[in-house]
Amino acid sequence: MDPSHIQNISIIAGIITVSTSRSGKEDISGSVINELLTKSNIPVSYSIIVPDIISEIRKRVIQALETCNCIIVTGGTGITSDDCTIEAISPLFDKTLDGFGELFRMKSLAEVGTRVILSRAVAGIIGRKVVFCIPGSPNAAALATRDIIIPEITHILTHAAR
């Protein structure tokens, strides 16, 4: 990566956990993401758990975008009948970051094998800000946040801001 074009951007993160069954104490994935961001000096100013309801997910993403430029949505990305995170958020994208999902699945292959085909992880730009949709398992949340999001967030936001 050529660091010469990367701007010094203030990153403010939001975490949205999509789950009908988890409460604050049971939100291990949200906690893992929060811990990894905090250790990387990325403040988290928005955190909430929402049910698997398209209108609620969209409402909270739009709300988080008011104060955050990096939103991580964890959960609801699978293929069960109630998984609707992708359907809620993808229509909001101005641009998609196809490489994010591809890279996430490539990195996940070593951990979960061919079950990776069930992952619908995606990312995209909404109004010069980035939203990542990742699986709800703690291991997947850690992998995506630690290995992809944190290393690339400044680079992504530099390009999104242009």
N, C-alpha and C. Protein backbone atom coordinates (compact mmCIF):
# COMPACT_ATOMS: atom_id res chain seq x y z
N MET A 1 0.84 -1.18 0.00
CA MET A 1 0.00 0.00 0.00
C MET A 1 0.88 1.23 0.00
N ASP A 2 0.58 2.15 -0.91
CA ASP A 2 1.30 3.42 -0.99
C ASP A 2 0.66 4.40 -0.01
N PRO A 3 1.33 4.68 1.11
CA PRO A 3 0.72 5.53 2.13
C PRO A 3 0.69 7.02 1.76
N SER A 4 1.30 7.40 0.64
CA SER A 4 1.41 8.82 0.31
C SER A 4 0.07 9.49 0.04
N HIS A 5 -0.94 8.73 -0.40
CA HIS A 5 -2.22 9.35 -0.71
C HIS A 5 -3.26 9.20 0.41
N ILE A 6 -2.90 8.51 1.48
CA ILE A 6 -3.85 8.29 2.56
C ILE A 6 -3.90 9.51 3.47
N GLN A 7 -5.11 9.99 3.68
CA GLN A 7 -5.32 11.17 4.51
C GLN A 7 -5.40 10.80 5.99
N ASN A 8 -5.17 11.78 6.82
CA ASN A 8 -5.33 11.58 8.25
C ASN A 8 -6.80 11.83 8.57
N ILE A 9 -7.57 10.78 8.60
CA ILE A 9 -9.01 10.87 8.79
C ILE A 9 -9.37 10.43 10.20
N SER A 10 -10.23 11.19 10.83
CA SER A 10 -10.74 10.82 12.14
C SER A 10 -11.83 9.77 11.95
N ILE A 11 -11.60 8.60 12.49
CA ILE A 11 -12.54 7.49 12.33
C ILE A 11 -13.40 7.39 13.59
N ILE A 12 -14.69 7.34 13.37
CA ILE A 12 -15.63 7.15 14.47
C ILE A 12 -16.52 5.97 14.07
N ALA A 13 -16.51 4.94 14.90
CA ALA A 13 -17.20 3.70 14.56
C ALA A 13 -18.54 3.55 15.26
N GLY A 14 -19.38 2.76 14.60
CA GLY A 14 -20.64 2.34 15.18
C GLY A 14 -20.76 0.84 15.02
N ILE A 15 -21.36 0.19 15.99
CA ILE A 15 -21.55 -1.26 15.96
C ILE A 15 -23.04 -1.56 16.11
N ILE A 16 -23.55 -2.30 15.15
CA ILE A 16 -24.95 -2.71 15.20
C ILE A 16 -24.99 -4.23 15.18
N THR A 17 -25.54 -4.80 16.23
CA THR A 17 -25.69 -6.25 16.30
C THR A 17 -27.13 -6.58 15.92
N VAL A 18 -27.28 -7.44 14.93
CA VAL A 18 -28.61 -7.85 14.49
C VAL A 18 -28.88 -9.22 15.10
N SER A 19 -29.87 -9.25 15.99
CA SER A 19 -30.21 -10.50 16.66
C SER A 19 -31.56 -10.36 17.35
N THR A 20 -32.35 -11.38 17.23
CA THR A 20 -33.62 -11.41 17.94
C THR A 20 -33.46 -12.07 19.30
N SER A 21 -32.36 -12.80 19.48
CA SER A 21 -32.20 -13.60 20.70
C SER A 21 -31.15 -13.07 21.67
N ARG A 22 -30.32 -12.12 21.28
CA ARG A 22 -29.24 -11.67 22.17
C ARG A 22 -29.57 -10.37 22.89
N SER A 23 -29.11 -10.29 24.13
CA SER A 23 -29.21 -9.05 24.89
C SER A 23 -27.79 -8.51 25.04
N GLY A 24 -27.63 -7.42 25.73
CA GLY A 24 -26.32 -6.79 25.89
C GLY A 24 -25.24 -7.72 26.42
N LYS A 25 -25.58 -8.51 27.44
CA LYS A 25 -24.59 -9.40 28.05
C LYS A 25 -24.21 -10.55 27.12
N GLU A 26 -25.13 -10.92 26.24
CA GLU A 26 -24.89 -12.05 25.34
C GLU A 26 -24.31 -11.63 24.01
N ASP A 27 -24.09 -10.34 23.81
CA ASP A 27 -23.57 -9.84 22.53
C ASP A 27 -22.04 -9.95 22.50
N ILE A 28 -21.57 -11.17 22.40
CA ILE A 28 -20.12 -11.41 22.40
C ILE A 28 -19.48 -10.80 21.15
N SER A 29 -20.11 -10.94 20.00
CA SER A 29 -19.53 -10.39 18.76
C SER A 29 -19.39 -8.88 18.83
N GLY A 30 -20.43 -8.21 19.30
CA GLY A 30 -20.36 -6.75 19.46
C GLY A 30 -19.25 -6.35 20.41
N SER A 31 -19.10 -7.11 21.49
CA SER A 31 -18.03 -6.84 22.46
C SER A 31 -16.64 -7.04 21.85
N VAL A 32 -16.50 -8.11 21.07
CA VAL A 32 -15.22 -8.40 20.41
C VAL A 32 -14.86 -7.26 19.45
N ILE A 33 -15.82 -6.83 18.66
CA ILE A 33 -15.58 -5.73 17.71
C ILE A 33 -15.21 -4.47 18.47
N ASN A 34 -15.96 -4.16 19.51
CA ASN A 34 -15.68 -2.96 20.32
C ASN A 34 -14.27 -3.00 20.89
N GLU A 35 -13.89 -4.14 21.44
CA GLU A 35 -12.56 -4.28 22.04
C GLU A 35 -11.45 -4.09 21.00
N LEU A 36 -11.61 -4.70 19.83
CA LEU A 36 -10.59 -4.58 18.78
C LEU A 36 -10.48 -3.14 18.27
N LEU A 37 -11.60 -2.47 18.09
CA LEU A 37 -11.57 -1.08 17.63
C LEU A 37 -10.92 -0.19 18.68
N THR A 38 -11.31 -0.37 19.93
CA THR A 38 -10.78 0.44 21.02
C THR A 38 -9.27 0.27 21.15
N LYS A 39 -8.79 -0.98 21.04
CA LYS A 39 -7.35 -1.24 21.11
C LYS A 39 -6.60 -0.58 19.95
N SER A 40 -7.30 -0.33 18.85
CA SER A 40 -6.69 0.32 17.69
C SER A 40 -6.95 1.83 17.69
N ASN A 41 -7.37 2.34 18.84
CA ASN A 41 -7.64 3.78 19.00
C ASN A 41 -8.72 4.30 18.06
N ILE A 42 -9.70 3.46 17.77
CA ILE A 42 -10.85 3.88 16.98
C ILE A 42 -12.03 3.96 17.95
N PRO A 43 -12.50 5.18 18.21
CA PRO A 43 -13.60 5.32 19.16
C PRO A 43 -14.91 4.77 18.61
N VAL A 44 -15.70 4.20 19.50
CA VAL A 44 -17.02 3.67 19.15
C VAL A 44 -18.05 4.58 19.81
N SER A 45 -18.82 5.30 18.99
CA SER A 45 -19.78 6.24 19.55
C SER A 45 -21.22 5.77 19.43
N TYR A 46 -21.42 4.62 18.82
CA TYR A 46 -22.77 4.12 18.62
C TYR A 46 -22.75 2.61 18.74
N SER A 47 -23.63 2.06 19.56
CA SER A 47 -23.71 0.61 19.72
C SER A 47 -25.12 0.23 20.11
N ILE A 48 -25.69 -0.73 19.38
CA ILE A 48 -27.07 -1.11 19.63
C ILE A 48 -27.31 -2.54 19.14
N ILE A 49 -28.29 -3.18 19.73
CA ILE A 49 -28.75 -4.49 19.27
C ILE A 49 -30.14 -4.28 18.68
N VAL A 50 -30.36 -4.79 17.47
CA VAL A 50 -31.65 -4.65 16.81
C VAL A 50 -32.15 -6.03 16.36
N PRO A 51 -33.46 -6.20 16.28
CA PRO A 51 -33.99 -7.48 15.80
C PRO A 51 -33.83 -7.63 14.29
N ASP A 52 -34.02 -8.85 13.81
CA ASP A 52 -33.92 -9.15 12.38
C ASP A 52 -35.16 -8.63 11.65
N ILE A 53 -35.27 -7.32 11.58
CA ILE A 53 -36.39 -6.66 10.90
C ILE A 53 -35.79 -5.59 9.99
N ILE A 54 -36.07 -5.70 8.70
CA ILE A 54 -35.44 -4.81 7.72
C ILE A 54 -35.59 -3.34 8.09
N SER A 55 -36.78 -2.89 8.42
CA SER A 55 -36.99 -1.47 8.73
C SER A 55 -36.19 -1.02 9.95
N GLU A 56 -36.07 -1.88 10.97
CA GLU A 56 -35.30 -1.54 12.17
C GLU A 56 -33.81 -1.46 11.86
N ILE A 57 -33.31 -2.39 11.07
CA ILE A 57 -31.89 -2.39 10.71
C ILE A 57 -31.57 -1.12 9.93
N ARG A 58 -32.36 -0.82 8.92
CA ARG A 58 -32.13 0.41 8.12
C ARG A 58 -32.18 1.66 8.98
N LYS A 59 -33.18 1.73 9.84
CA LYS A 59 -33.35 2.89 10.72
C LYS A 59 -32.09 3.12 11.56
N ARG A 60 -31.56 2.04 12.12
CA ARG A 60 -30.38 2.16 13.00
C ARG A 60 -29.11 2.46 12.21
N VAL A 61 -28.98 1.92 11.01
CA VAL A 61 -27.81 2.24 10.18
C VAL A 61 -27.85 3.72 9.82
N ILE A 62 -28.99 4.20 9.39
CA ILE A 62 -29.12 5.62 9.04
C ILE A 62 -28.85 6.50 10.25
N GLN A 63 -29.34 6.10 11.40
CA GLN A 63 -29.08 6.83 12.64
C GLN A 63 -27.59 6.85 12.96
N ALA A 64 -26.92 5.71 12.84
CA ALA A 64 -25.49 5.63 13.14
C ALA A 64 -24.67 6.48 12.17
N LEU A 65 -25.10 6.56 10.92
CA LEU A 65 -24.37 7.36 9.92
C LEU A 65 -24.38 8.85 10.23
N GLU A 66 -25.26 9.29 11.10
CA GLU A 66 -25.29 10.70 11.49
C GLU A 66 -24.03 11.10 12.25
N THR A 67 -23.44 10.15 13.00
CA THR A 67 -22.26 10.47 13.81
C THR A 67 -21.04 9.62 13.51
N CYS A 68 -21.21 8.53 12.76
CA CYS A 68 -20.11 7.60 12.51
C CYS A 68 -19.78 7.54 11.02
N ASN A 69 -18.50 7.30 10.73
CA ASN A 69 -18.11 7.11 9.32
C ASN A 69 -17.70 5.67 9.03
N CYS A 70 -17.76 4.81 10.03
CA CYS A 70 -17.48 3.38 9.87
C CYS A 70 -18.49 2.62 10.72
N ILE A 71 -19.39 1.92 10.03
CA ILE A 71 -20.41 1.15 10.73
C ILE A 71 -20.12 -0.33 10.49
N ILE A 72 -20.12 -1.11 11.56
CA ILE A 72 -19.97 -2.55 11.44
C ILE A 72 -21.27 -3.18 11.93
N VAL A 73 -21.93 -3.89 11.03
CA VAL A 73 -23.17 -4.59 11.35
C VAL A 73 -22.83 -6.06 11.44
N THR A 74 -23.09 -6.66 12.59
CA THR A 74 -22.76 -8.06 12.79
C THR A 74 -24.03 -8.86 13.03
N GLY A 75 -24.19 -9.93 12.27
CA GLY A 75 -25.35 -10.79 12.42
C GLY A 75 -26.36 -10.59 11.30
N GLY A 76 -27.16 -11.61 11.11
CA GLY A 76 -28.23 -11.54 10.12
C GLY A 76 -27.77 -11.65 8.68
N THR A 77 -26.56 -12.17 8.47
CA THR A 77 -26.01 -12.24 7.11
C THR A 77 -26.08 -13.63 6.51
N GLY A 78 -26.67 -14.55 7.22
CA GLY A 78 -26.75 -15.93 6.74
C GLY A 78 -27.89 -16.14 5.76
N ILE A 79 -28.32 -17.40 5.65
CA ILE A 79 -29.35 -17.72 4.66
C ILE A 79 -30.64 -18.26 5.28
N THR A 80 -30.77 -18.17 6.61
CA THR A 80 -32.02 -18.62 7.21
C THR A 80 -33.14 -17.63 6.85
N SER A 81 -34.37 -18.05 7.06
CA SER A 81 -35.51 -17.22 6.66
C SER A 81 -35.55 -15.87 7.37
N ASP A 82 -35.00 -15.78 8.58
CA ASP A 82 -35.03 -14.50 9.28
C ASP A 82 -33.79 -13.63 9.06
N ASP A 83 -32.76 -14.13 8.39
CA ASP A 83 -31.56 -13.33 8.10
C ASP A 83 -31.89 -12.29 7.03
N CYS A 84 -31.81 -11.01 7.38
CA CYS A 84 -32.20 -9.97 6.43
C CYS A 84 -31.29 -8.75 6.44
N THR A 85 -30.13 -8.85 7.06
CA THR A 85 -29.21 -7.71 7.11
C THR A 85 -28.80 -7.26 5.71
N ILE A 86 -28.45 -8.18 4.85
CA ILE A 86 -28.01 -7.83 3.50
C ILE A 86 -29.15 -7.16 2.73
N GLU A 87 -30.35 -7.71 2.85
CA GLU A 87 -31.50 -7.13 2.16
C GLU A 87 -31.83 -5.74 2.69
N ALA A 88 -31.56 -5.50 3.98
CA ALA A 88 -31.83 -4.20 4.58
C ALA A 88 -30.82 -3.14 4.13
N ILE A 89 -29.56 -3.53 4.04
CA ILE A 89 -28.50 -2.53 3.86
C ILE A 89 -28.03 -2.37 2.42
N SER A 90 -27.94 -3.45 1.67
CA SER A 90 -27.42 -3.35 0.30
C SER A 90 -28.12 -2.29 -0.56
N PRO A 91 -29.45 -2.14 -0.47
CA PRO A 91 -30.09 -1.10 -1.29
C PRO A 91 -29.66 0.32 -0.93
N LEU A 92 -29.06 0.51 0.24
CA LEU A 92 -28.60 1.83 0.66
C LEU A 92 -27.23 2.20 0.08
N PHE A 93 -26.48 1.20 -0.41
CA PHE A 93 -25.12 1.43 -0.88
C PHE A 93 -25.11 2.31 -2.14
N ASP A 94 -24.24 3.33 -2.12
CA ASP A 94 -23.94 4.11 -3.32
C ASP A 94 -22.96 3.32 -4.19
N LYS A 95 -22.04 2.64 -3.52
CA LYS A 95 -21.04 1.80 -4.18
C LYS A 95 -20.81 0.58 -3.30
N THR A 96 -20.55 -0.56 -3.94
CA THR A 96 -20.23 -1.75 -3.16
C THR A 96 -18.73 -2.01 -3.17
N LEU A 97 -18.25 -2.63 -2.12
CA LEU A 97 -16.84 -3.02 -2.02
C LEU A 97 -16.80 -4.54 -2.13
N ASP A 98 -16.92 -5.03 -3.36
CA ASP A 98 -16.99 -6.47 -3.59
C ASP A 98 -15.79 -7.21 -3.01
N GLY A 99 -14.64 -6.60 -3.04
CA GLY A 99 -13.43 -7.24 -2.54
C GLY A 99 -13.50 -7.57 -1.06
N PHE A 100 -14.29 -6.82 -0.30
CA PHE A 100 -14.40 -7.11 1.12
C PHE A 100 -14.98 -8.50 1.35
N GLY A 101 -16.12 -8.79 0.74
CA GLY A 101 -16.75 -10.10 0.91
C GLY A 101 -15.88 -11.22 0.39
N GLU A 102 -15.25 -10.95 -0.75
CA GLU A 102 -14.37 -11.96 -1.35
C GLU A 102 -13.19 -12.28 -0.41
N LEU A 103 -12.56 -11.23 0.12
CA LEU A 103 -11.42 -11.42 1.01
C LEU A 103 -11.85 -12.08 2.33
N PHE A 104 -13.00 -11.66 2.85
CA PHE A 104 -13.49 -12.28 4.08
C PHE A 104 -13.70 -13.78 3.89
N ARG A 105 -14.33 -14.15 2.79
CA ARG A 105 -14.57 -15.57 2.54
C ARG A 105 -13.26 -16.33 2.33
N MET A 106 -12.31 -15.70 1.65
CA MET A 106 -11.02 -16.34 1.44
C MET A 106 -10.33 -16.61 2.78
N LYS A 107 -10.32 -15.60 3.66
CA LYS A 107 -9.68 -15.75 4.96
C LYS A 107 -10.44 -16.74 5.85
N SER A 108 -11.75 -16.79 5.70
CA SER A 108 -12.58 -17.69 6.51
C SER A 108 -12.45 -19.15 6.11
N LEU A 109 -12.04 -19.39 4.89
CA LEU A 109 -11.93 -20.76 4.37
C LEU A 109 -11.07 -21.63 5.28
N ALA A 110 -9.98 -21.09 5.78
CA ALA A 110 -9.08 -21.87 6.64
C ALA A 110 -9.76 -22.25 7.96
N GLU A 111 -10.68 -21.42 8.43
CA GLU A 111 -11.34 -21.69 9.72
C GLU A 111 -12.57 -22.57 9.59
N VAL A 112 -13.37 -22.36 8.54
CA VAL A 112 -14.66 -23.06 8.46
C VAL A 112 -14.80 -23.95 7.24
N GLY A 113 -13.79 -24.00 6.41
CA GLY A 113 -13.84 -24.84 5.22
C GLY A 113 -14.87 -24.37 4.22
N THR A 114 -15.43 -25.32 3.50
CA THR A 114 -16.35 -24.96 2.43
C THR A 114 -17.68 -24.40 2.94
N ARG A 115 -17.92 -24.45 4.24
CA ARG A 115 -19.11 -23.80 4.80
C ARG A 115 -19.10 -22.30 4.54
N VAL A 116 -17.96 -21.78 4.11
CA VAL A 116 -17.83 -20.36 3.82
C VAL A 116 -18.82 -19.91 2.74
N ILE A 117 -19.31 -20.85 1.93
CA ILE A 117 -20.27 -20.45 0.90
C ILE A 117 -21.57 -19.92 1.48
N LEU A 118 -21.81 -20.17 2.76
CA LEU A 118 -23.01 -19.64 3.41
C LEU A 118 -22.86 -18.18 3.83
N SER A 119 -21.65 -17.63 3.75
CA SER A 119 -21.41 -16.26 4.17
C SER A 119 -21.80 -15.27 3.08
N ARG A 120 -22.58 -14.28 3.48
CA ARG A 120 -22.96 -13.22 2.55
C ARG A 120 -22.36 -11.89 2.99
N ALA A 121 -21.20 -11.91 3.63
CA ALA A 121 -20.56 -10.68 4.09
C ALA A 121 -20.40 -9.71 2.92
N VAL A 122 -20.75 -8.44 3.18
CA VAL A 122 -20.64 -7.39 2.16
C VAL A 122 -20.20 -6.09 2.83
N ALA A 123 -19.78 -5.15 1.99
CA ALA A 123 -19.47 -3.80 2.47
C ALA A 123 -19.78 -2.83 1.35
N GLY A 124 -20.02 -1.60 1.74
CA GLY A 124 -20.30 -0.59 0.74
C GLY A 124 -20.20 0.81 1.31
N ILE A 125 -20.27 1.75 0.40
CA ILE A 125 -20.18 3.16 0.73
C ILE A 125 -21.58 3.76 0.71
N ILE A 126 -21.89 4.51 1.75
CA ILE A 126 -23.13 5.27 1.82
C ILE A 126 -22.73 6.70 2.15
N GLY A 127 -22.87 7.59 1.18
CA GLY A 127 -22.57 9.00 1.43
C GLY A 127 -21.19 9.26 2.00
N ARG A 128 -20.17 8.68 1.42
CA ARG A 128 -18.77 8.87 1.82
C ARG A 128 -18.39 8.22 3.14
N LYS A 129 -19.25 7.33 3.60
CA LYS A 129 -18.99 6.58 4.82
C LYS A 129 -19.08 5.10 4.45
N VAL A 130 -18.52 4.23 5.29
CA VAL A 130 -18.48 2.81 4.94
C VAL A 130 -19.28 1.98 5.94
N VAL A 131 -19.98 0.99 5.39
CA VAL A 131 -20.75 0.06 6.21
C VAL A 131 -20.30 -1.35 5.86
N PHE A 132 -19.95 -2.11 6.89
CA PHE A 132 -19.54 -3.50 6.73
C PHE A 132 -20.63 -4.38 7.34
N CYS A 133 -21.02 -5.42 6.62
CA CYS A 133 -22.00 -6.39 7.13
C CYS A 133 -21.28 -7.73 7.25
N ILE A 134 -21.14 -8.19 8.49
CA ILE A 134 -20.36 -9.40 8.74
C ILE A 134 -21.18 -10.40 9.55
N PRO A 135 -20.79 -11.67 9.50
CA PRO A 135 -21.53 -12.68 10.26
C PRO A 135 -21.52 -12.38 11.76
N GLY A 136 -22.45 -13.02 12.47
CA GLY A 136 -22.61 -12.77 13.89
C GLY A 136 -21.79 -13.65 14.81
N SER A 137 -21.05 -14.60 14.28
CA SER A 137 -20.23 -15.43 15.17
C SER A 137 -19.04 -14.61 15.68
N PRO A 138 -18.65 -14.83 16.94
CA PRO A 138 -17.51 -14.08 17.48
C PRO A 138 -16.22 -14.26 16.66
N ASN A 139 -15.97 -15.48 16.19
CA ASN A 139 -14.75 -15.71 15.40
C ASN A 139 -14.78 -14.93 14.09
N ALA A 140 -15.93 -14.92 13.42
CA ALA A 140 -16.06 -14.19 12.16
C ALA A 140 -15.94 -12.68 12.40
N ALA A 141 -16.56 -12.21 13.48
CA ALA A 141 -16.49 -10.79 13.81
C ALA A 141 -15.05 -10.36 14.08
N ALA A 142 -14.32 -11.19 14.81
CA ALA A 142 -12.92 -10.88 15.11
C ALA A 142 -12.09 -10.90 13.84
N LEU A 143 -12.25 -11.92 13.02
CA LEU A 143 -11.49 -12.03 11.79
C LEU A 143 -11.71 -10.82 10.88
N ALA A 144 -12.96 -10.48 10.63
CA ALA A 144 -13.26 -9.36 9.74
C ALA A 144 -12.71 -8.04 10.30
N THR A 145 -12.93 -7.81 11.58
CA THR A 145 -12.51 -6.54 12.19
C THR A 145 -11.00 -6.43 12.27
N ARG A 146 -10.37 -7.47 12.78
CA ARG A 146 -8.92 -7.47 13.01
C ARG A 146 -8.11 -7.52 11.72
N ASP A 147 -8.50 -8.40 10.80
CA ASP A 147 -7.67 -8.68 9.63
C ASP A 147 -8.00 -7.85 8.40
N ILE A 148 -9.20 -7.27 8.35
CA ILE A 148 -9.58 -6.53 7.14
C ILE A 148 -9.99 -5.10 7.45
N ILE A 149 -10.96 -4.93 8.33
CA ILE A 149 -11.52 -3.59 8.57
C ILE A 149 -10.50 -2.65 9.17
N ILE A 150 -9.89 -3.00 10.27
CA ILE A 150 -8.93 -2.11 10.93
C ILE A 150 -7.75 -1.78 10.02
N PRO A 151 -7.14 -2.76 9.35
CA PRO A 151 -6.01 -2.41 8.48
C PRO A 151 -6.38 -1.51 7.29
N GLU A 152 -7.62 -1.56 6.83
CA GLU A 152 -7.99 -0.83 5.61
C GLU A 152 -8.92 0.35 5.80
N ILE A 153 -9.42 0.59 7.01
CA ILE A 153 -10.45 1.61 7.18
C ILE A 153 -10.00 3.01 6.76
N THR A 154 -8.81 3.42 7.11
CA THR A 154 -8.34 4.75 6.71
C THR A 154 -8.21 4.85 5.21
N HIS A 155 -7.69 3.81 4.58
CA HIS A 155 -7.55 3.77 3.13
C HIS A 155 -8.92 3.88 2.45
N ILE A 156 -9.88 3.11 2.94
CA ILE A 156 -11.24 3.13 2.38
C ILE A 156 -11.84 4.53 2.51
N LEU A 157 -11.77 5.10 3.71
CA LEU A 157 -12.38 6.41 3.93
C LEU A 157 -11.68 7.52 3.16
N THR A 158 -10.38 7.37 2.93
CA THR A 158 -9.66 8.36 2.09
C THR A 158 -10.26 8.39 0.69
N HIS A 159 -10.48 7.23 0.12
CA HIS A 159 -11.06 7.17 -1.22
C HIS A 159 -12.53 7.57 -1.23
N ALA A 160 -13.26 7.16 -0.21
CA ALA A 160 -14.70 7.49 -0.14
C ALA A 160 -14.93 9.00 0.00
N ALA A 161 -13.99 9.68 0.62
CA ALA A 161 -14.13 11.12 0.84
C ALA A 161 -13.86 11.96 -0.40
N ARG A 162 -13.31 11.35 -1.43
CA ARG A 162 -12.99 12.12 -2.64
C ARG A 162 -14.19 12.37 -3.49
